[in-house]
Every structure is written in C-alpha cells, then in structure tokens.
Amino acid sequence: MSVGSNMMEVETALQRDADLLIEWAKKEDMQINADKTKLMVVGHQVHNAVVKVNGKILENVDSFKYLGVMLDKELNFAAQVDYAVSKGKTACAKVGYLIDGR
C-alpha cells in the first residue's frame, strides 16, 4: 500500500515494496505468483499504475474481493452491495427450484 501526492511517487513506492517482497519471498523459498497478484489504485481521479513482479506487469483492477468483501476504486461499497444482492438472488432461485411443483 502506498499514498502519495502524484502517481509517479505512488508507482515508485509500490515498485520498491514489490521488489522487497520478492526478495523476502526468495529468502523464505517462496514464490510470488504475478498472474494472481492484482493492483488497485483507490481514488476519484484514478490512473492505472505500472508495477512489475518477476518482470511481469501487474493487472490493474477496478474491484477486488479481499477477505470476503468486494472493494472498489472509490471505496463506496457499491461492488459489495451488488455482490451480496447477486448471491441472494442465486440462493432464492435455488430455493425456488427446490419447492417448484411441490
């Protein structure tokens, strides 16, 4: 996580931290999977950031599920509400299917 007054400052800090994480992982005989690692920049006027892990540019995402909660760029929880509603609709449809015709 990084906070800065401009995007270049944020990218530099994120890249430095990513490099430190890779270094630590190598010492611990672990690997960072760049394909599963995502990058989300939070804010109203958001621009995509460029951060590399193992030579691969991380994918910029608009929303991400973290510890069961959908987070979005503006942290307004609209993505979480949409996710919860869709889960509720799916559950209702399954229950309806079970009682259909009884």
PDB file of N, CA and C in Angstrom:
ATOM      1  N   MET A   1       0.850  -1.164   0.000  1.00  0.00           N
ATOM      2  CA  MET A   1       0.000   0.000   0.000  1.00  0.00           C
ATOM      3  C   MET A   1       0.896   1.226   0.000  1.00  0.00           C
ATOM      4  N   SER A   2       0.470   2.230  -0.765  1.00  0.00           N
ATOM      5  CA  SER A   2       1.239   3.462  -0.832  1.00  0.00           C
ATOM      6  C   SER A   2       0.299   4.652  -0.976  1.00  0.00           C
ATOM      7  N   VAL A   3       0.707   5.779  -0.415  1.00  0.00           N
ATOM      8  CA  VAL A   3      -0.042   7.024  -0.524  1.00  0.00           C
ATOM      9  C   VAL A   3       0.939   8.087  -1.008  1.00  0.00           C
ATOM     10  N   GLY A   4       0.482   8.923  -1.962  1.00  0.00           N
ATOM     11  CA  GLY A   4       1.375   9.959  -2.456  1.00  0.00           C
ATOM     12  C   GLY A   4       0.619  11.096  -3.100  1.00  0.00           C
ATOM     13  N   SER A   5       1.330  12.172  -3.369  1.00  0.00           N
ATOM     14  CA  SER A   5       0.694  13.346  -3.957  1.00  0.00           C
ATOM     15  C   SER A   5       0.569  13.243  -5.468  1.00  0.00           C
ATOM     16  N   ASN A   6       1.350  12.349  -6.095  1.00  0.00           N
ATOM     17  CA  ASN A   6       1.218  12.142  -7.533  1.00  0.00           C
ATOM     18  C   ASN A   6       1.436  10.662  -7.863  1.00  0.00           C
ATOM     19  N   MET A   7       1.021  10.287  -9.063  1.00  0.00           N
ATOM     20  CA  MET A   7       1.048   8.878  -9.443  1.00  0.00           C
ATOM     21  C   MET A   7       2.475   8.335  -9.542  1.00  0.00           C
ATOM     22  N   MET A   8       3.406   9.135  -9.988  1.00  0.00           N
ATOM     23  CA  MET A   8       4.798   8.684 -10.113  1.00  0.00           C
ATOM     24  C   MET A   8       5.371   8.299  -8.749  1.00  0.00           C
ATOM     25  N   GLU A   9       5.062   9.102  -7.747  1.00  0.00           N
ATOM     26  CA  GLU A   9       5.510   8.835  -6.374  1.00  0.00           C
ATOM     27  C   GLU A   9       4.923   7.520  -5.863  1.00  0.00           C
ATOM     28  N   VAL A  10       3.644   7.305  -6.138  1.00  0.00           N
ATOM     29  CA  VAL A  10       2.965   6.077  -5.703  1.00  0.00           C
ATOM     30  C   VAL A  10       3.562   4.868  -6.416  1.00  0.00           C
ATOM     31  N   GLU A  11       3.741   4.956  -7.733  1.00  0.00           N
ATOM     32  CA  GLU A  11       4.313   3.844  -8.504  1.00  0.00           C
ATOM     33  C   GLU A  11       5.700   3.482  -8.008  1.00  0.00           C
ATOM     34  N   THR A  12       6.522   4.484  -7.737  1.00  0.00           N
ATOM     35  CA  THR A  12       7.884   4.245  -7.259  1.00  0.00           C
ATOM     36  C   THR A  12       7.860   3.511  -5.918  1.00  0.00           C
ATOM     37  N   ALA A  13       7.006   3.944  -5.011  1.00  0.00           N
ATOM     38  CA  ALA A  13       6.909   3.305  -3.695  1.00  0.00           C
ATOM     39  C   ALA A  13       6.376   1.872  -3.827  1.00  0.00           C
ATOM     40  N   LEU A  14       5.364   1.671  -4.681  1.00  0.00           N
ATOM     41  CA  LEU A  14       4.811   0.332  -4.860  1.00  0.00           C
ATOM     42  C   LEU A  14       5.833  -0.613  -5.483  1.00  0.00           C
ATOM     43  N   GLN A  15       6.600  -0.127  -6.460  1.00  0.00           N
ATOM     44  CA  GLN A  15       7.613  -0.971  -7.093  1.00  0.00           C
ATOM     45  C   GLN A  15       8.703  -1.338  -6.092  1.00  0.00           C
ATOM     46  N   ARG A  16       9.115  -0.372  -5.271  1.00  0.00           N
ATOM     47  CA  ARG A  16      10.125  -0.642  -4.241  1.00  0.00           C
ATOM     48  C   ARG A  16       9.625  -1.711  -3.271  1.00  0.00           C
ATOM     49  N   ASP A  17       8.357  -1.573  -2.845  1.00  0.00           N
ATOM     50  CA  ASP A  17       7.793  -2.546  -1.916  1.00  0.00           C
ATOM     51  C   ASP A  17       7.626  -3.923  -2.561  1.00  0.00           C
ATOM     52  N   ALA A  18       7.253  -3.948  -3.833  1.00  0.00           N
ATOM     53  CA  ALA A  18       7.125  -5.225  -4.548  1.00  0.00           C
ATOM     54  C   ALA A  18       8.488  -5.908  -4.648  1.00  0.00           C
ATOM     55  N   ASP A  19       9.520  -5.139  -4.937  1.00  0.00           N
ATOM     56  CA  ASP A  19      10.870  -5.698  -5.017  1.00  0.00           C
ATOM     57  C   ASP A  19      11.325  -6.258  -3.666  1.00  0.00           C
ATOM     58  N   LEU A  20      11.009  -5.530  -2.588  1.00  0.00           N
ATOM     59  CA  LEU A  20      11.346  -6.024  -1.246  1.00  0.00           C
ATOM     60  C   LEU A  20      10.589  -7.310  -0.915  1.00  0.00           C
ATOM     61  N   LEU A  21       9.326  -7.389  -1.325  1.00  0.00           N
ATOM     62  CA  LEU A  21       8.529  -8.586  -1.097  1.00  0.00           C
ATOM     63  C   LEU A  21       9.109  -9.779  -1.849  1.00  0.00           C
ATOM     64  N   ILE A  22       9.512  -9.569  -3.094  1.00  0.00           N
ATOM     65  CA  ILE A  22      10.109 -10.649  -3.887  1.00  0.00           C
ATOM     66  C   ILE A  22      11.411 -11.113  -3.250  1.00  0.00           C
ATOM     67  N   GLU A  23      12.213 -10.175  -2.793  1.00  0.00           N
ATOM     68  CA  GLU A  23      13.475 -10.504  -2.120  1.00  0.00           C
ATOM     69  C   GLU A  23      13.220 -11.345  -0.866  1.00  0.00           C
ATOM     70  N   TRP A  24      12.255 -10.931  -0.062  1.00  0.00           N
ATOM     71  CA  TRP A  24      11.912 -11.662   1.159  1.00  0.00           C
ATOM     72  C   TRP A  24      11.407 -13.065   0.814  1.00  0.00           C
ATOM     73  N   ALA A  25      10.548 -13.156  -0.206  1.00  0.00           N
ATOM     74  CA  ALA A  25       9.987 -14.454  -0.602  1.00  0.00           C
ATOM     75  C   ALA A  25      11.087 -15.409  -1.048  1.00  0.00           C
ATOM     76  N   LYS A  26      12.066 -14.908  -1.774  1.00  0.00           N
ATOM     77  CA  LYS A  26      13.176 -15.761  -2.219  1.00  0.00           C
ATOM     78  C   LYS A  26      13.957 -16.298  -1.032  1.00  0.00           C
ATOM     79  N   LYS A  27      14.192 -15.428  -0.025  1.00  0.00           N
ATOM     80  CA  LYS A  27      14.911 -15.872   1.186  1.00  0.00           C
ATOM     81  C   LYS A  27      14.156 -16.978   1.907  1.00  0.00           C
ATOM     82  N   GLU A  28      12.833 -16.920   1.850  1.00  0.00           N
ATOM     83  CA  GLU A  28      11.981 -17.888   2.542  1.00  0.00           C
ATOM     84  C   GLU A  28      11.584 -19.068   1.637  1.00  0.00           C
ATOM     85  N   ASP A  29      12.233 -19.183   0.474  1.00  0.00           N
ATOM     86  CA  ASP A  29      11.941 -20.241  -0.508  1.00  0.00           C
ATOM     87  C   ASP A  29      10.476 -20.239  -0.932  1.00  0.00           C
ATOM     88  N   MET A  30       9.960 -19.058  -1.154  1.00  0.00           N
ATOM     89  CA  MET A  30       8.586 -18.898  -1.629  1.00  0.00           C
ATOM     90  C   MET A  30       8.628 -18.172  -2.969  1.00  0.00           C
ATOM     91  N   GLN A  31       7.517 -18.258  -3.700  1.00  0.00           N
ATOM     92  CA  GLN A  31       7.419 -17.548  -4.967  1.00  0.00           C
ATOM     93  C   GLN A  31       6.171 -16.677  -4.965  1.00  0.00           C
ATOM     94  N   ILE A  32       6.258 -15.526  -5.593  1.00  0.00           N
ATOM     95  CA  ILE A  32       5.105 -14.647  -5.779  1.00  0.00           C
ATOM     96  C   ILE A  32       4.539 -14.947  -7.158  1.00  0.00           C
ATOM     97  N   ASN A  33       3.261 -15.291  -7.220  1.00  0.00           N
ATOM     98  CA  ASN A  33       2.607 -15.581  -8.493  1.00  0.00           C
ATOM     99  C   ASN A  33       2.069 -14.273  -9.070  1.00  0.00           C
ATOM    100  N   ALA A  34       2.760 -13.740 -10.081  1.00  0.00           N
ATOM    101  CA  ALA A  34       2.374 -12.457 -10.677  1.00  0.00           C
ATOM    102  C   ALA A  34       1.016 -12.543 -11.363  1.00  0.00           C
ATOM    103  N   ASP A  35       0.628 -13.734 -11.839  1.00  0.00           N
ATOM    104  CA  ASP A  35      -0.671 -13.887 -12.500  1.00  0.00           C
ATOM    105  C   ASP A  35      -1.836 -13.737 -11.524  1.00  0.00           C
ATOM    106  N   LYS A  36      -1.607 -14.067 -10.263  1.00  0.00           N
ATOM    107  CA  LYS A  36      -2.664 -13.962  -9.257  1.00  0.00           C
ATOM    108  C   LYS A  36      -2.581 -12.667  -8.455  1.00  0.00           C
ATOM    109  N   THR A  37      -1.553 -11.881  -8.691  1.00  0.00           N
ATOM    110  CA  THR A  37      -1.362 -10.629  -7.967  1.00  0.00           C
ATOM    111  C   THR A  37      -2.003  -9.495  -8.750  1.00  0.00           C
ATOM    112  N   LYS A  38      -2.853  -8.732  -8.104  1.00  0.00           N
ATOM    113  CA  LYS A  38      -3.585  -7.645  -8.750  1.00  0.00           C
ATOM    114  C   LYS A  38      -3.184  -6.314  -8.122  1.00  0.00           C
ATOM    115  N   LEU A  39      -3.469  -5.242  -8.855  1.00  0.00           N
ATOM    116  CA  LEU A  39      -3.144  -3.898  -8.402  1.00  0.00           C
ATOM    117  C   LEU A  39      -4.388  -3.031  -8.535  1.00  0.00           C
ATOM    118  N   MET A  40      -4.757  -2.350  -7.453  1.00  0.00           N
ATOM    119  CA  MET A  40      -5.914  -1.459  -7.493  1.00  0.00           C
ATOM    120  C   MET A  40      -5.515  -0.110  -6.898  1.00  0.00           C
ATOM    121  N   VAL A  41      -5.708   0.931  -7.677  1.00  0.00           N
ATOM    122  CA  VAL A  41      -5.430   2.294  -7.222  1.00  0.00           C
ATOM    123  C   VAL A  41      -6.763   2.900  -6.790  1.00  0.00           C
ATOM    124  N   VAL A  42      -6.809   3.416  -5.574  1.00  0.00           N
ATOM    125  CA  VAL A  42      -8.042   3.935  -4.994  1.00  0.00           C
ATOM    126  C   VAL A  42      -8.053   5.456  -5.101  1.00  0.00           C
ATOM    127  N   GLY A  43      -9.215   5.992  -5.471  1.00  0.00           N
ATOM    128  CA  GLY A  43      -9.372   7.433  -5.546  1.00  0.00           C
ATOM    129  C   GLY A  43     -10.358   7.827  -6.622  1.00  0.00           C
ATOM    130  N   HIS A  44     -10.721   9.110  -6.648  1.00  0.00           N
ATOM    131  CA  HIS A  44     -11.704   9.592  -7.615  1.00  0.00           C
ATOM    132  C   HIS A  44     -11.102   9.746  -9.007  1.00  0.00           C
ATOM    133  N   GLN A  45      -9.925  10.323  -9.106  1.00  0.00           N
ATOM    134  CA  GLN A  45      -9.278  10.513 -10.400  1.00  0.00           C
ATOM    135  C   GLN A  45      -8.142   9.514 -10.486  1.00  0.00           C
ATOM    136  N   VAL A  46      -8.500   8.279 -10.829  1.00  0.00           N
ATOM    137  CA  VAL A  46      -7.556   7.179 -10.783  1.00  0.00           C
ATOM    138  C   VAL A  46      -6.959   6.915 -12.159  1.00  0.00           C
ATOM    139  N   HIS A  47      -5.658   6.734 -12.181  1.00  0.00           N
ATOM    140  CA  HIS A  47      -4.951   6.320 -13.384  1.00  0.00           C
ATOM    141  C   HIS A  47      -4.297   4.978 -13.087  1.00  0.00           C
ATOM    142  N   ASN A  48      -4.171   4.146 -14.091  1.00  0.00           N
ATOM    143  CA  ASN A  48      -3.539   2.849 -13.889  1.00  0.00           C
ATOM    144  C   ASN A  48      -2.070   3.029 -13.527  1.00  0.00           C
ATOM    145  N   ALA A  49      -1.616   2.198 -12.623  1.00  0.00           N
ATOM    146  CA  ALA A  49      -0.214   2.216 -12.212  1.00  0.00           C
ATOM    147  C   ALA A  49       0.507   1.069 -12.902  1.00  0.00           C
ATOM    148  N   VAL A  50       1.810   1.221 -13.066  1.00  0.00           N
ATOM    149  CA  VAL A  50       2.624   0.170 -13.664  1.00  0.00           C
ATOM    150  C   VAL A  50       3.595  -0.322 -12.601  1.00  0.00           C
ATOM    151  N   VAL A  51       3.382  -1.569 -12.153  1.00  0.00           N
ATOM    152  CA  VAL A  51       4.253  -2.206 -11.180  1.00  0.00           C
ATOM    153  C   VAL A  51       4.557  -3.599 -11.704  1.00  0.00           C
ATOM    154  N   LYS A  52       5.820  -3.980 -11.656  1.00  0.00           N
ATOM    155  CA  LYS A  52       6.228  -5.286 -12.176  1.00  0.00           C
ATOM    156  C   LYS A  52       6.605  -6.226 -11.043  1.00  0.00           C
ATOM    157  N   VAL A  53       6.213  -7.475 -11.203  1.00  0.00           N
ATOM    158  CA  VAL A  53       6.614  -8.546 -10.295  1.00  0.00           C
ATOM    159  C   VAL A  53       7.174  -9.658 -11.165  1.00  0.00           C
ATOM    160  N   ASN A  54       8.420 -10.023 -10.906  1.00  0.00           N
ATOM    161  CA  ASN A  54       9.111 -11.043 -11.702  1.00  0.00           C
ATOM    162  C   ASN A  54       9.080 -10.707 -13.198  1.00  0.00           C
ATOM    163  N   GLY A  55       9.238  -9.427 -13.538  1.00  0.00           N
ATOM    164  CA  GLY A  55       9.271  -8.990 -14.918  1.00  0.00           C
ATOM    165  C   GLY A  55       7.922  -8.878 -15.593  1.00  0.00           C
ATOM    166  N   LYS A  56       6.852  -9.142 -14.864  1.00  0.00           N
ATOM    167  CA  LYS A  56       5.504  -9.101 -15.424  1.00  0.00           C
ATOM    168  C   LYS A  56       4.737  -7.919 -14.835  1.00  0.00           C
ATOM    169  N   ILE A  57       4.075  -7.139 -15.702  1.00  0.00           N
ATOM    170  CA  ILE A  57       3.287  -6.002 -15.231  1.00  0.00           C
ATOM    171  C   ILE A  57       2.015  -6.517 -14.566  1.00  0.00           C
ATOM    172  N   LEU A  58       1.744  -6.032 -13.350  1.00  0.00           N
ATOM    173  CA  LEU A  58       0.556  -6.456 -12.616  1.00  0.00           C
ATOM    174  C   LEU A  58      -0.701  -5.908 -13.265  1.00  0.00           C
ATOM    175  N   GLU A  59      -1.759  -6.714 -13.226  1.00  0.00           N
ATOM    176  CA  GLU A  59      -3.053  -6.313 -13.783  1.00  0.00           C
ATOM    177  C   GLU A  59      -3.712  -5.270 -12.876  1.00  0.00           C
ATOM    178  N   ASN A  60      -4.165  -4.165 -13.469  1.00  0.00           N
ATOM    179  CA  ASN A  60      -4.925  -3.146 -12.745  1.00  0.00           C
ATOM    180  C   ASN A  60      -6.388  -3.562 -12.743  1.00  0.00           C
ATOM    181  N   VAL A  61      -7.030  -3.562 -11.578  1.00  0.00           N
ATOM    182  CA  VAL A  61      -8.434  -3.956 -11.475  1.00  0.00           C
ATOM    183  C   VAL A  61      -9.255  -2.826 -10.873  1.00  0.00           C
ATOM    184  N   ASP A  62     -10.567  -2.823 -11.189  1.00  0.00           N
ATOM    185  CA  ASP A  62     -11.482  -1.816 -10.649  1.00  0.00           C
ATOM    186  C   ASP A  62     -12.069  -2.235  -9.309  1.00  0.00           C
ATOM    187  N   SER A  63     -12.165  -3.552  -9.106  1.00  0.00           N
ATOM    188  CA  SER A  63     -12.672  -4.075  -7.835  1.00  0.00           C
ATOM    189  C   SER A  63     -11.957  -5.384  -7.545  1.00  0.00           C
ATOM    190  N   PHE A  64     -11.958  -5.761  -6.254  1.00  0.00           N
ATOM    191  CA  PHE A  64     -11.233  -6.949  -5.834  1.00  0.00           C
ATOM    192  C   PHE A  64     -11.871  -7.508  -4.570  1.00  0.00           C
ATOM    193  N   LYS A  65     -12.004  -8.812  -4.503  1.00  0.00           N
ATOM    194  CA  LYS A  65     -12.558  -9.453  -3.312  1.00  0.00           C
ATOM    195  C   LYS A  65     -11.411  -9.728  -2.344  1.00  0.00           C
ATOM    196  N   TYR A  66     -11.480  -9.121  -1.163  1.00  0.00           N
ATOM    197  CA  TYR A  66     -10.441  -9.261  -0.151  1.00  0.00           C
ATOM    198  C   TYR A  66     -11.090  -9.639   1.171  1.00  0.00           C
ATOM    199  N   LEU A  67     -10.726 -10.788   1.690  1.00  0.00           N
ATOM    200  CA  LEU A  67     -11.281 -11.314   2.938  1.00  0.00           C
ATOM    201  C   LEU A  67     -12.813 -11.333   2.904  1.00  0.00           C
ATOM    202  N   GLY A  68     -13.379 -11.692   1.746  1.00  0.00           N
ATOM    203  CA  GLY A  68     -14.819 -11.837   1.603  1.00  0.00           C
ATOM    204  C   GLY A  68     -15.570 -10.549   1.322  1.00  0.00           C
ATOM    205  N   VAL A  69     -14.863  -9.434   1.221  1.00  0.00           N
ATOM    206  CA  VAL A  69     -15.512  -8.148   0.969  1.00  0.00           C
ATOM    207  C   VAL A  69     -15.034  -7.626  -0.387  1.00  0.00           C
ATOM    208  N   MET A  70     -15.986  -7.202  -1.220  1.00  0.00           N
ATOM    209  CA  MET A  70     -15.645  -6.624  -2.513  1.00  0.00           C
ATOM    210  C   MET A  70     -15.259  -5.157  -2.305  1.00  0.00           C
ATOM    211  N   LEU A  71     -14.036  -4.822  -2.657  1.00  0.00           N
ATOM    212  CA  LEU A  71     -13.559  -3.442  -2.570  1.00  0.00           C
ATOM    213  C   LEU A  71     -13.527  -2.865  -3.972  1.00  0.00           C
ATOM    214  N   ASP A  72     -13.865  -1.579  -4.116  1.00  0.00           N
ATOM    215  CA  ASP A  72     -13.777  -0.933  -5.421  1.00  0.00           C
ATOM    216  C   ASP A  72     -12.908   0.315  -5.324  1.00  0.00           C
ATOM    217  N   LYS A  73     -12.624   0.920  -6.473  1.00  0.00           N
ATOM    218  CA  LYS A  73     -11.704   2.066  -6.548  1.00  0.00           C
ATOM    219  C   LYS A  73     -12.090   3.224  -5.645  1.00  0.00           C
ATOM    220  N   GLU A  74     -13.379   3.454  -5.492  1.00  0.00           N
ATOM    221  CA  GLU A  74     -13.824   4.621  -4.729  1.00  0.00           C
ATOM    222  C   GLU A  74     -14.203   4.282  -3.289  1.00  0.00           C
ATOM    223  N   LEU A  75     -14.047   3.033  -2.910  1.00  0.00           N
ATOM    224  CA  LEU A  75     -14.348   2.557  -1.556  1.00  0.00           C
ATOM    225  C   LEU A  75     -15.746   2.954  -1.093  1.00  0.00           C
ATOM    226  N   ASN A  76     -16.723   2.872  -2.012  1.00  0.00           N
ATOM    227  CA  ASN A  76     -18.095   3.217  -1.641  1.00  0.00           C
ATOM    228  C   ASN A  76     -18.967   1.970  -1.420  1.00  0.00           C
ATOM    229  N   PHE A  77     -18.375   0.798  -1.537  1.00  0.00           N
ATOM    230  CA  PHE A  77     -19.014  -0.492  -1.279  1.00  0.00           C
ATOM    231  C   PHE A  77     -20.159  -0.824  -2.229  1.00  0.00           C
ATOM    232  N   ALA A  78     -20.260  -0.125  -3.361  1.00  0.00           N
ATOM    233  CA  ALA A  78     -21.268  -0.459  -4.366  1.00  0.00           C
ATOM    234  C   ALA A  78     -21.015  -1.865  -4.906  1.00  0.00           C
ATOM    235  N   ALA A  79     -19.751  -2.216  -5.102  1.00  0.00           N
ATOM    236  CA  ALA A  79     -19.416  -3.553  -5.597  1.00  0.00           C
ATOM    237  C   ALA A  79     -19.821  -4.621  -4.582  1.00  0.00           C
ATOM    238  N   GLN A  80     -19.653  -4.338  -3.280  1.00  0.00           N
ATOM    239  CA  GLN A  80     -20.044  -5.294  -2.240  1.00  0.00           C
ATOM    240  C   GLN A  80     -21.551  -5.481  -2.229  1.00  0.00           C
ATOM    241  N   VAL A  81     -22.300  -4.396  -2.377  1.00  0.00           N
ATOM    242  CA  VAL A  81     -23.754  -4.474  -2.395  1.00  0.00           C
ATOM    243  C   VAL A  81     -24.213  -5.293  -3.602  1.00  0.00           C
ATOM    244  N   ASP A  82     -23.659  -5.015  -4.772  1.00  0.00           N
ATOM    245  CA  ASP A  82     -24.013  -5.777  -5.975  1.00  0.00           C
ATOM    246  C   ASP A  82     -23.691  -7.254  -5.802  1.00  0.00           C
ATOM    247  N   TYR A  83     -22.543  -7.543  -5.213  1.00  0.00           N
ATOM    248  CA  TYR A  83     -22.130  -8.933  -4.988  1.00  0.00           C
ATOM    249  C   TYR A  83     -23.098  -9.630  -4.030  1.00  0.00           C
ATOM    250  N   ALA A  84     -23.454  -8.972  -2.934  1.00  0.00           N
ATOM    251  CA  ALA A  84     -24.369  -9.562  -1.951  1.00  0.00           C
ATOM    252  C   ALA A  84     -25.754  -9.789  -2.550  1.00  0.00           C
ATOM    253  N   VAL A  85     -26.236  -8.843  -3.351  1.00  0.00           N
ATOM    254  CA  VAL A  85     -27.545  -8.983  -3.992  1.00  0.00           C
ATOM    255  C   VAL A  85     -27.533 -10.159  -4.962  1.00  0.00           C
ATOM    256  N   SER A  86     -26.467 -10.294  -5.742  1.00  0.00           N
ATOM    257  CA  SER A  86     -26.405 -11.408  -6.694  1.00  0.00           C
ATOM    258  C   SER A  86     -26.352 -12.746  -5.971  1.00  0.00           C
ATOM    259  N   LYS A  87     -25.654 -12.814  -4.845  1.00  0.00           N
ATOM    260  CA  LYS A  87     -25.616 -14.052  -4.052  1.00  0.00           C
ATOM    261  C   LYS A  87     -27.003 -14.362  -3.495  1.00  0.00           C
ATOM    262  N   GLY A  88     -27.723 -13.337  -3.043  1.00  0.00           N
ATOM    263  CA  GLY A  88     -29.076 -13.528  -2.525  1.00  0.00           C
ATOM    264  C   GLY A  88     -30.034 -14.000  -3.603  1.00  0.00           C
ATOM    265  N   LYS A  89     -29.936 -13.422  -4.793  1.00  0.00           N
ATOM    266  CA  LYS A  89     -30.792 -13.840  -5.902  1.00  0.00           C
ATOM    267  C   LYS A  89     -30.525 -15.287  -6.286  1.00  0.00           C
ATOM    268  N   THR A  90     -29.262 -15.667  -6.302  1.00  0.00           N
ATOM    269  CA  THR A  90     -28.903 -17.052  -6.631  1.00  0.00           C
ATOM    270  C   THR A  90     -29.479 -18.008  -5.596  1.00  0.00           C
ATOM    271  N   ALA A  91     -29.368 -17.656  -4.318  1.00  0.00           N
ATOM    272  CA  ALA A  91     -29.899 -18.509  -3.252  1.00  0.00           C
ATOM    273  C   ALA A  91     -31.421 -18.634  -3.358  1.00  0.00           C
ATOM    274  N   CYS A  92     -32.095 -17.529  -3.646  1.00  0.00           N
ATOM    275  CA  CYS A  92     -33.561 -17.558  -3.802  1.00  0.00           C
ATOM    276  C   CYS A  92     -33.968 -18.425  -4.986  1.00  0.00           C
ATOM    277  N   ALA A  93     -33.223 -18.331  -6.079  1.00  0.00           N
ATOM    278  CA  ALA A  93     -33.533 -19.143  -7.260  1.00  0.00           C
ATOM    279  C   ALA A  93     -33.367 -20.627  -6.955  1.00  0.00           C
ATOM    280  N   LYS A  94     -32.353 -20.990  -6.182  1.00  0.00           N
ATOM    281  CA  LYS A  94     -32.130 -22.391  -5.820  1.00  0.00           C
ATOM    282  C   LYS A  94     -33.252 -22.906  -4.930  1.00  0.00           C
ATOM    283  N   VAL A  95     -33.671 -22.090  -3.971  1.00  0.00           N
ATOM    284  CA  VAL A  95     -34.770 -22.484  -3.088  1.00  0.00           C
ATOM    285  C   VAL A  95     -36.051 -22.612  -3.905  1.00  0.00           C
ATOM    286  N   GLY A  96     -36.298 -21.680  -4.814  1.00  0.00           N
ATOM    287  CA  GLY A  96     -37.479 -21.741  -5.670  1.00  0.00           C
ATOM    288  C   GLY A  96     -37.495 -22.989  -6.522  1.00  0.00           C
ATOM    289  N   TYR A  97     -36.344 -23.387  -7.017  1.00  0.00           N
ATOM    290  CA  TYR A  97     -36.229 -24.590  -7.830  1.00  0.00           C
ATOM    291  C   TYR A  97     -36.563 -25.824  -6.985  1.00  0.00           C
ATOM    292  N   LEU A  98     -36.129 -25.827  -5.728  1.00  0.00           N
ATOM    293  CA  LEU A  98     -36.381 -26.979  -4.851  1.00  0.00           C
ATOM    294  C   LEU A  98     -37.866 -27.148  -4.512  1.00  0.00           C
ATOM    295  N   ILE A  99     -38.592 -26.028  -4.370  1.00  0.00           N
ATOM    296  CA  ILE A  99     -40.010 -26.134  -3.974  1.00  0.00           C
ATOM    297  C   ILE A  99     -40.954 -26.087  -5.163  1.00  0.00           C
ATOM    298  N   ASP A 100     -40.424 -25.880  -6.353  1.00  0.00           N
ATOM    299  CA  ASP A 100     -41.263 -25.826  -7.562  1.00  0.00           C
ATOM    300  C   ASP A 100     -41.964 -27.166  -7.781  1.00  0.00           C
ATOM    301  N   GLY A 101     -43.286 -27.139  -7.884  1.00  0.00           N
ATOM    302  CA  GLY A 101     -44.050 -28.338  -8.150  1.00  0.00           C
ATOM    303  C   GLY A 101     -44.436 -29.147  -6.921  1.00  0.00           C
ATOM    304  N   ARG A 102     -44.127 -28.662  -5.760  1.00  0.00           N
ATOM    305  CA  ARG A 102     -44.482 -29.414  -4.542  1.00  0.00           C
ATOM    306  C   ARG A 102     -45.766 -28.910  -3.984  1.00  0.00           C
TER     307      ARG A 102
END
